[in-house]
Amino acid sequence: MPGMRRRLTWLSIAPLMLAGLLAGHALGYRLAITDPHARADALAHSGHSYFAYVPFALSVCLGVLLAGLALQALSALRGEPRRPAASPLIVVLPPAAFVAQELIERLLHSGHVSWTVVVQPTFLIGLALQLPFALAALLLAWALDSAARAVGQALASAPRLTFDVFVPAPARSSAVPSPAGLARGYGERAPPFLRRP
């Protein structure tokens, strides 16, 4: 069960961390290169063509986040204990991921990585933005987890609605003979017997 609770934690933290990583990355380029045409050229020549798929990636992140929050609420509804909060040290993952991402992008795009990449303004600004975005993502994940658990606990403590269902007794069919009449030797009334000529 602790493994399941840990996975629930990652379902809410990981999408927000990834969204923060992408947002910090894009904002770093926007701040470092203010001219949109120069920025588009720099992105095209540094292996950032995948930025066109960022809206799709953010949609997937949102879906995973909503699923994680629904599972957190369901966990609280079932009365399962609260999972331990993720370590605040998780905020160092996005900066490390950013460095790896920048190096891998250039390696895949051109086949080599220059040591000057780490002193370029786009790299330095993007790296500086990763920590605040990661911290904001972690705080938001904790707040959303708490809200989801509160919803689950509220639903668990809500009074159950009960409904009285009226089921009518089956009506007596006229085709069934009355036992009292049969016991006295009388049959049920029937249509008159017609003789054929």
C-alpha atoms as a PDB file:
ATOM      1  CA  MET A   1       0.000   0.000   0.000  1.00  0.00           C
ATOM      2  CA  PRO A   2       2.827   2.526   0.643  1.00  0.00           C
ATOM      3  CA  GLY A   3       3.983   1.960  -2.954  1.00  0.00           C
ATOM      4  CA  MET A   4       0.511   2.823  -4.203  1.00  0.00           C
ATOM      5  CA  ARG A   5       0.427   6.009  -2.139  1.00  0.00           C
ATOM      6  CA  ARG A   6       3.851   6.961  -3.499  1.00  0.00           C
ATOM      7  CA  ARG A   7       2.561   6.480  -7.068  1.00  0.00           C
ATOM      8  CA  LEU A   8      -0.420   8.697  -6.265  1.00  0.00           C
ATOM      9  CA  THR A   9       2.004  11.382  -5.136  1.00  0.00           C
ATOM     10  CA  TRP A  10       3.901  11.177  -8.423  1.00  0.00           C
ATOM     11  CA  LEU A  11       0.669  11.359 -10.445  1.00  0.00           C
ATOM     12  CA  SER A  12       0.133  14.886  -9.182  1.00  0.00           C
ATOM     13  CA  ILE A  13       3.720  16.097  -8.800  1.00  0.00           C
ATOM     14  CA  ALA A  14       5.276  14.796 -12.050  1.00  0.00           C
ATOM     15  CA  PRO A  15       2.860  16.535 -14.473  1.00  0.00           C
ATOM     16  CA  LEU A  16       3.258  19.847 -12.673  1.00  0.00           C
ATOM     17  CA  MET A  17       7.042  19.487 -12.597  1.00  0.00           C
ATOM     18  CA  LEU A  18       7.103  18.706 -16.321  1.00  0.00           C
ATOM     19  CA  ALA A  19       4.837  21.664 -17.062  1.00  0.00           C
ATOM     20  CA  GLY A  20       7.128  23.871 -14.965  1.00  0.00           C
ATOM     21  CA  LEU A  21      10.195  22.540 -16.795  1.00  0.00           C
ATOM     22  CA  LEU A  22       8.663  23.361 -20.184  1.00  0.00           C
ATOM     23  CA  ALA A  23       7.389  26.755 -19.022  1.00  0.00           C
ATOM     24  CA  GLY A  24      10.770  27.735 -17.584  1.00  0.00           C
ATOM     25  CA  HIS A  25      12.486  26.544 -20.743  1.00  0.00           C
ATOM     26  CA  ALA A  26      10.199  28.563 -23.030  1.00  0.00           C
ATOM     27  CA  LEU A  27      10.282  31.644 -20.807  1.00  0.00           C
ATOM     28  CA  GLY A  28      14.073  31.495 -20.655  1.00  0.00           C
ATOM     29  CA  TYR A  29      14.271  31.717 -24.441  1.00  0.00           C
ATOM     30  CA  ARG A  30      11.656  34.474 -24.511  1.00  0.00           C
ATOM     31  CA  LEU A  31      13.587  36.577 -21.974  1.00  0.00           C
ATOM     32  CA  ALA A  32      17.018  35.914 -23.476  1.00  0.00           C
ATOM     33  CA  ILE A  33      15.979  36.563 -27.094  1.00  0.00           C
ATOM     34  CA  THR A  34      13.252  39.198 -27.226  1.00  0.00           C
ATOM     35  CA  ASP A  35      12.970  39.367 -31.045  1.00  0.00           C
ATOM     36  CA  PRO A  36      10.464  36.675 -32.092  1.00  0.00           C
ATOM     37  CA  HIS A  37      12.164  35.997 -35.434  1.00  0.00           C
ATOM     38  CA  ALA A  38      15.611  35.653 -33.883  1.00  0.00           C
ATOM     39  CA  ARG A  39      14.128  33.448 -31.166  1.00  0.00           C
ATOM     40  CA  ALA A  40      12.439  31.183 -33.730  1.00  0.00           C
ATOM     41  CA  ASP A  41      15.739  30.921 -35.636  1.00  0.00           C
ATOM     42  CA  ALA A  42      17.675  30.121 -32.438  1.00  0.00           C
ATOM     43  CA  LEU A  43      15.121  27.454 -31.460  1.00  0.00           C
ATOM     44  CA  ALA A  44      15.247  25.905 -34.929  1.00  0.00           C
ATOM     45  CA  HIS A  45      19.058  25.740 -34.881  1.00  0.00           C
ATOM     46  CA  SER A  46      19.361  24.289 -31.388  1.00  0.00           C
ATOM     47  CA  GLY A  47      17.099  21.227 -31.604  1.00  0.00           C
ATOM     48  CA  HIS A  48      13.928  22.750 -30.174  1.00  0.00           C
ATOM     49  CA  SER A  49      11.573  21.782 -32.978  1.00  0.00           C
ATOM     50  CA  TYR A  50       9.634  19.669 -30.486  1.00  0.00           C
ATOM     51  CA  PHE A  51       8.254  22.902 -28.963  1.00  0.00           C
ATOM     52  CA  ALA A  52       5.417  22.539 -31.471  1.00  0.00           C
ATOM     53  CA  TYR A  53       4.233  19.531 -29.415  1.00  0.00           C
ATOM     54  CA  VAL A  54       4.254  21.367 -26.087  1.00  0.00           C
ATOM     55  CA  PRO A  55       0.445  21.967 -26.096  1.00  0.00           C
ATOM     56  CA  PHE A  56      -0.110  18.233 -26.565  1.00  0.00           C
ATOM     57  CA  ALA A  57       2.357  17.426 -23.775  1.00  0.00           C
ATOM     58  CA  LEU A  58       0.610  19.909 -21.465  1.00  0.00           C
ATOM     59  CA  SER A  59      -2.758  18.316 -22.281  1.00  0.00           C
ATOM     60  CA  VAL A  60      -1.390  14.909 -21.324  1.00  0.00           C
ATOM     61  CA  CYS A  61       0.030  16.419 -18.117  1.00  0.00           C
ATOM     62  CA  LEU A  62      -3.376  17.875 -17.276  1.00  0.00           C
ATOM     63  CA  GLY A  63      -5.065  14.512 -17.861  1.00  0.00           C
ATOM     64  CA  VAL A  64      -2.565  12.694 -15.644  1.00  0.00           C
ATOM     65  CA  LEU A  65      -2.914  15.372 -12.970  1.00  0.00           C
ATOM     66  CA  LEU A  66      -6.719  15.116 -12.948  1.00  0.00           C
ATOM     67  CA  ALA A  67      -6.521  11.319 -12.770  1.00  0.00           C
ATOM     68  CA  GLY A  68      -4.079  11.560  -9.861  1.00  0.00           C
ATOM     69  CA  LEU A  69      -6.323  13.984  -7.994  1.00  0.00           C
ATOM     70  CA  ALA A  70      -9.364  11.780  -8.559  1.00  0.00           C
ATOM     71  CA  LEU A  71      -7.442   8.800  -7.180  1.00  0.00           C
ATOM     72  CA  GLN A  72      -6.368  10.885  -4.163  1.00  0.00           C
ATOM     73  CA  ALA A  73     -10.011  11.774  -3.477  1.00  0.00           C
ATOM     74  CA  LEU A  74     -11.020   8.129  -3.865  1.00  0.00           C
ATOM     75  CA  SER A  75      -8.257   7.090  -1.466  1.00  0.00           C
ATOM     76  CA  ALA A  76      -9.583   9.533   1.145  1.00  0.00           C
ATOM     77  CA  LEU A  77     -13.152   8.379   0.496  1.00  0.00           C
ATOM     78  CA  ARG A  78     -12.113   4.800   1.292  1.00  0.00           C
ATOM     79  CA  GLY A  79     -10.499   5.993   4.516  1.00  0.00           C
ATOM     80  CA  GLU A  80      -6.957   5.085   3.493  1.00  0.00           C
ATOM     81  CA  PRO A  81      -4.266   6.931   5.470  1.00  0.00           C
ATOM     82  CA  ARG A  82      -2.684  10.009   3.995  1.00  0.00           C
ATOM     83  CA  ARG A  83       0.496   9.301   2.054  1.00  0.00           C
ATOM     84  CA  PRO A  84       3.677  11.009   3.192  1.00  0.00           C
ATOM     85  CA  ALA A  85       4.407  14.253   1.379  1.00  0.00           C
ATOM     86  CA  ALA A  86       7.125  14.161  -1.235  1.00  0.00           C
ATOM     87  CA  SER A  87      10.477  15.445  -0.133  1.00  0.00           C
ATOM     88  CA  PRO A  88      11.138  19.109  -0.908  1.00  0.00           C
ATOM     89  CA  LEU A  89      14.430  17.955  -2.444  1.00  0.00           C
ATOM     90  CA  ILE A  90      12.372  16.947  -5.470  1.00  0.00           C
ATOM     91  CA  VAL A  91      12.738  20.555  -6.667  1.00  0.00           C
ATOM     92  CA  VAL A  92      16.316  19.797  -7.778  1.00  0.00           C
ATOM     93  CA  LEU A  93      15.014  17.385 -10.440  1.00  0.00           C
ATOM     94  CA  PRO A  94      13.805  20.049 -12.934  1.00  0.00           C
ATOM     95  CA  PRO A  95      17.114  21.977 -12.976  1.00  0.00           C
ATOM     96  CA  ALA A  96      18.997  18.705 -13.508  1.00  0.00           C
ATOM     97  CA  ALA A  97      16.490  17.690 -16.185  1.00  0.00           C
ATOM     98  CA  PHE A  98      16.889  21.093 -17.848  1.00  0.00           C
ATOM     99  CA  VAL A  99      20.678  20.733 -18.087  1.00  0.00           C
ATOM    100  CA  ALA A 100      20.348  17.210 -19.486  1.00  0.00           C
ATOM    101  CA  GLN A 101      17.626  18.330 -21.896  1.00  0.00           C
ATOM    102  CA  GLU A 102      19.669  21.220 -23.286  1.00  0.00           C
ATOM    103  CA  LEU A 103      22.728  19.044 -23.817  1.00  0.00           C
ATOM    104  CA  ILE A 104      20.758  16.174 -25.394  1.00  0.00           C
ATOM    105  CA  GLU A 105      18.857  18.570 -27.690  1.00  0.00           C
ATOM    106  CA  ARG A 106      22.065  19.929 -29.142  1.00  0.00           C
ATOM    107  CA  LEU A 107      23.693  16.518 -29.326  1.00  0.00           C
ATOM    108  CA  LEU A 108      20.749  15.087 -31.279  1.00  0.00           C
ATOM    109  CA  HIS A 109      20.464  18.142 -33.501  1.00  0.00           C
ATOM    110  CA  SER A 110      24.095  18.675 -34.483  1.00  0.00           C
ATOM    111  CA  GLY A 111      25.915  15.574 -33.239  1.00  0.00           C
ATOM    112  CA  HIS A 112      28.127  17.486 -30.812  1.00  0.00           C
ATOM    113  CA  VAL A 113      27.845  19.787 -27.810  1.00  0.00           C
ATOM    114  CA  SER A 114      30.021  22.844 -27.378  1.00  0.00           C
ATOM    115  CA  TRP A 115      31.169  23.764 -23.887  1.00  0.00           C
ATOM    116  CA  THR A 116      29.924  27.317 -24.545  1.00  0.00           C
ATOM    117  CA  VAL A 117      26.322  26.113 -24.267  1.00  0.00           C
ATOM    118  CA  VAL A 118      26.450  26.463 -20.481  1.00  0.00           C
ATOM    119  CA  VAL A 119      27.403  30.145 -20.638  1.00  0.00           C
ATOM    120  CA  GLN A 120      24.807  31.206 -23.205  1.00  0.00           C
ATOM    121  CA  PRO A 121      22.088  33.549 -21.888  1.00  0.00           C
ATOM    122  CA  THR A 122      19.298  31.195 -22.981  1.00  0.00           C
ATOM    123  CA  PHE A 123      20.847  28.389 -20.935  1.00  0.00           C
ATOM    124  CA  LEU A 124      21.589  30.496 -17.843  1.00  0.00           C
ATOM    125  CA  ILE A 125      18.183  32.203 -17.727  1.00  0.00           C
ATOM    126  CA  GLY A 126      16.354  28.915 -18.376  1.00  0.00           C
ATOM    127  CA  LEU A 127      18.336  27.214 -15.623  1.00  0.00           C
ATOM    128  CA  ALA A 128      17.696  30.077 -13.188  1.00  0.00           C
ATOM    129  CA  LEU A 129      13.940  29.818 -13.843  1.00  0.00           C
ATOM    130  CA  GLN A 130      13.803  26.085 -13.164  1.00  0.00           C
ATOM    131  CA  LEU A 131      14.066  26.294  -9.384  1.00  0.00           C
ATOM    132  CA  PRO A 132      11.196  28.784  -8.835  1.00  0.00           C
ATOM    133  CA  PHE A 133       8.994  26.911 -11.309  1.00  0.00           C
ATOM    134  CA  ALA A 134       9.792  23.602  -9.595  1.00  0.00           C
ATOM    135  CA  LEU A 135       9.053  25.039  -6.160  1.00  0.00           C
ATOM    136  CA  ALA A 136       5.755  26.499  -7.390  1.00  0.00           C
ATOM    137  CA  ALA A 137       4.842  23.145  -8.962  1.00  0.00           C
ATOM    138  CA  LEU A 138       5.602  21.312  -5.711  1.00  0.00           C
ATOM    139  CA  LEU A 139       3.547  23.721  -3.601  1.00  0.00           C
ATOM    140  CA  LEU A 140       0.674  23.555  -6.078  1.00  0.00           C
ATOM    141  CA  ALA A 141       0.808  19.742  -6.081  1.00  0.00           C
ATOM    142  CA  TRP A 142       0.661  19.658  -2.273  1.00  0.00           C
ATOM    143  CA  ALA A 143      -2.279  22.094  -2.243  1.00  0.00           C
ATOM    144  CA  LEU A 144      -4.188  20.149  -4.912  1.00  0.00           C
ATOM    145  CA  ASP A 145      -3.536  16.849  -3.111  1.00  0.00           C
ATOM    146  CA  SER A 146      -4.862  18.324   0.131  1.00  0.00           C
ATOM    147  CA  ALA A 147      -7.938  19.671  -1.648  1.00  0.00           C
ATOM    148  CA  ALA A 148      -8.604  16.314  -3.335  1.00  0.00           C
ATOM    149  CA  ARG A 149      -8.287  14.472  -0.014  1.00  0.00           C
ATOM    150  CA  ALA A 150     -10.609  17.010   1.644  1.00  0.00           C
ATOM    151  CA  VAL A 151     -13.210  16.353  -1.048  1.00  0.00           C
ATOM    152  CA  GLY A 152     -12.871  12.589  -0.539  1.00  0.00           C
ATOM    153  CA  GLN A 153     -13.183  12.921   3.249  1.00  0.00           C
ATOM    154  CA  ALA A 154     -16.208  15.210   2.894  1.00  0.00           C
ATOM    155  CA  LEU A 155     -17.893  12.668   0.639  1.00  0.00           C
ATOM    156  CA  ALA A 156     -17.060   9.874   3.103  1.00  0.00           C
ATOM    157  CA  SER A 157     -18.595  11.753   6.029  1.00  0.00           C
ATOM    158  CA  ALA A 158     -21.677  12.934   4.124  1.00  0.00           C
ATOM    159  CA  PRO A 159     -24.924  11.255   5.226  1.00  0.00           C
ATOM    160  CA  ARG A 160     -25.993   8.464   2.948  1.00  0.00           C
ATOM    161  CA  LEU A 161     -29.196   9.054   1.043  1.00  0.00           C
ATOM    162  CA  THR A 162     -31.689   6.230   1.303  1.00  0.00           C
ATOM    163  CA  PHE A 163     -34.774   5.828  -0.768  1.00  0.00           C
ATOM    164  CA  ASP A 164     -37.867   3.818   0.060  1.00  0.00           C
ATOM    165  CA  VAL A 165     -38.897   1.954  -3.006  1.00  0.00           C
ATOM    166  CA  PHE A 166     -42.581   1.103  -3.377  1.00  0.00           C
ATOM    167  CA  VAL A 167     -43.085  -2.294  -4.946  1.00  0.00           C
ATOM    168  CA  PRO A 168     -46.784  -2.967  -5.614  1.00  0.00           C
ATOM    169  CA  ALA A 169     -48.132  -6.386  -4.793  1.00  0.00           C
ATOM    170  CA  PRO A 170     -48.904  -8.445  -7.861  1.00  0.00           C
ATOM    171  CA  ALA A 171     -52.523  -8.115  -8.954  1.00  0.00           C
ATOM    172  CA  ARG A 172     -54.633 -11.231  -8.881  1.00  0.00           C
ATOM    173  CA  SER A 173     -55.338 -12.472 -12.319  1.00  0.00           C
ATOM    174  CA  SER A 174     -58.908 -13.438 -13.177  1.00  0.00           C
ATOM    175  CA  ALA A 175     -57.590 -16.429 -15.109  1.00  0.00           C
ATOM    176  CA  VAL A 176     -56.512 -18.158 -11.888  1.00  0.00           C
ATOM    177  CA  PRO A 177     -59.439 -20.081 -10.313  1.00  0.00           C
ATOM    178  CA  SER A 178     -60.450 -19.142  -6.811  1.00  0.00           C
ATOM    179  CA  PRO A 179     -59.504 -21.910  -4.367  1.00  0.00           C
ATOM    180  CA  ALA A 180     -62.634 -21.350  -2.285  1.00  0.00           C
ATOM    181  CA  GLY A 181     -64.959 -21.968  -5.239  1.00  0.00           C
ATOM    182  CA  LEU A 182     -63.089 -25.058  -6.370  1.00  0.00           C
ATOM    183  CA  ALA A 183     -63.145 -26.530  -2.873  1.00  0.00           C
ATOM    184  CA  ARG A 184     -66.955 -26.363  -2.782  1.00  0.00           C
ATOM    185  CA  GLY A 185     -67.253 -28.036  -6.177  1.00  0.00           C
ATOM    186  CA  TYR A 186     -68.030 -24.970  -8.172  1.00  0.00           C
ATOM    187  CA  GLY A 187     -65.990 -23.931 -11.131  1.00  0.00           C
ATOM    188  CA  GLU A 188     -65.202 -20.414 -12.127  1.00  0.00           C
ATOM    189  CA  ARG A 189     -67.647 -18.711 -14.390  1.00  0.00           C
ATOM    190  CA  ALA A 190     -66.928 -19.419 -18.024  1.00  0.00           C
ATOM    191  CA  PRO A 191     -68.432 -18.368 -21.345  1.00  0.00           C
ATOM    192  CA  PRO A 192     -71.541 -20.315 -22.305  1.00  0.00           C
ATOM    193  CA  PHE A 193     -71.035 -23.615 -24.037  1.00  0.00           C
ATOM    194  CA  LEU A 194     -72.277 -23.411 -27.628  1.00  0.00           C
ATOM    195  CA  ARG A 195     -73.465 -26.528 -29.413  1.00  0.00           C
ATOM    196  CA  ARG A 196     -72.638 -26.933 -32.992  1.00  0.00           C
ATOM    197  CA  PRO A 197     -75.400 -28.194 -35.321  1.00  0.00           C
END
